[in-house]
Amino acid sequence: MDSTAAKIVLAAKRGDSVNRIANKVDTSYSWVYDWVERLDDAGIIANTDDGVQIVDHELRQQYAEMMAALYSRDSISQEDAYVIPHFAGMEFAYTEIDAAYVWTEGGYQIARSHDDYPVFIQVHERDIERWIAFFQRFGIQTTIDTRPERSDVDGNVHYVLFPQPDGIEIEWVGGNPVIPLDDAVEQMTENRAAYEPALEMIAEMHDIDINAHHHQPTSAD
C-alpha cells in the first residue's frame, strides 16, 4: 500500500476530476494523474468522462484503516490537517479562521501555532456523531462550536465542529470547500480588529469593496 494511493482513494468523491483530487490531497497534478491511471488499471477506481469513482470499496476501507493507524501514531502536519477531512466522505466547509485562511489562499493566519492548530469546519448536524467517531479513529480530538484551551488538547491538530441544522453552503477554492465569500466576510467584520489585514487581502484578490483599511500604528499608538 502506498500513502499517495491511499489518499487519492480516500479523498475521491464520485464525479471528482483528477485536478480536484490533486488539490484535495495537496499533491501535484502529474503525480496524482499517474496514480489515478495505475489505480484505474488495477480496478480500484474508474476514471471516466464523468469523473472518478471508487470501484473497490473493500480496498478503500483497508486504506482508511491504514491511514488512521499512521496518523494516530505520528504528529499531523498543517498540510495534512486540510487533507484528512476529505477522507470522511461527508460534506463540510471551512469556516471562522479557516474561511479567512482559504479565501486569502493561505495568506492570512491568526491565533494558531505549530503545536496548537485548531481547524474550524461546518458540518451537517445529522453527521455530528459520525464526524466525532471519524476523528477519533485518527486519534484527533474534536470540540463543538468552541475552541478548547490548549491545556485540554492532546496533539497539535484538533478540529472545532460547527453543526448546521439547515444545511451547508459550499464554495470551492482550489481543493478546499469553504463557506461562501459573503458569509466569510461577514464573520470577519464581526471581529474586524483581528481580521482587518485579511479583509484588505480579500478586497484586492476578489475585487470587492468591503471598506477594508488596515490601521497602521503610529508613534502615538
Foldseek 3Di string as FASTA:
>chain_A
DDLLLLLLLLLDDFQDALQLSCLLLVHDSVVSVVSVVVCCVVQQWPQDPSGIDGRDVVVNVVSLLVQLVVLLVDADFPSVLSNLVSSLPFDKAFADQVLLCLLLPNPDHDDADGQAAETEMEGAQVCVVSVQVSVVSNVAEEAEPDDDDSVVGDGRYHYYYYHDPPDADWDDRRNHTHHDPVVRLVSCVVVVLRCLVSVVSNCVVVVHDPPRDHDDDDPVD
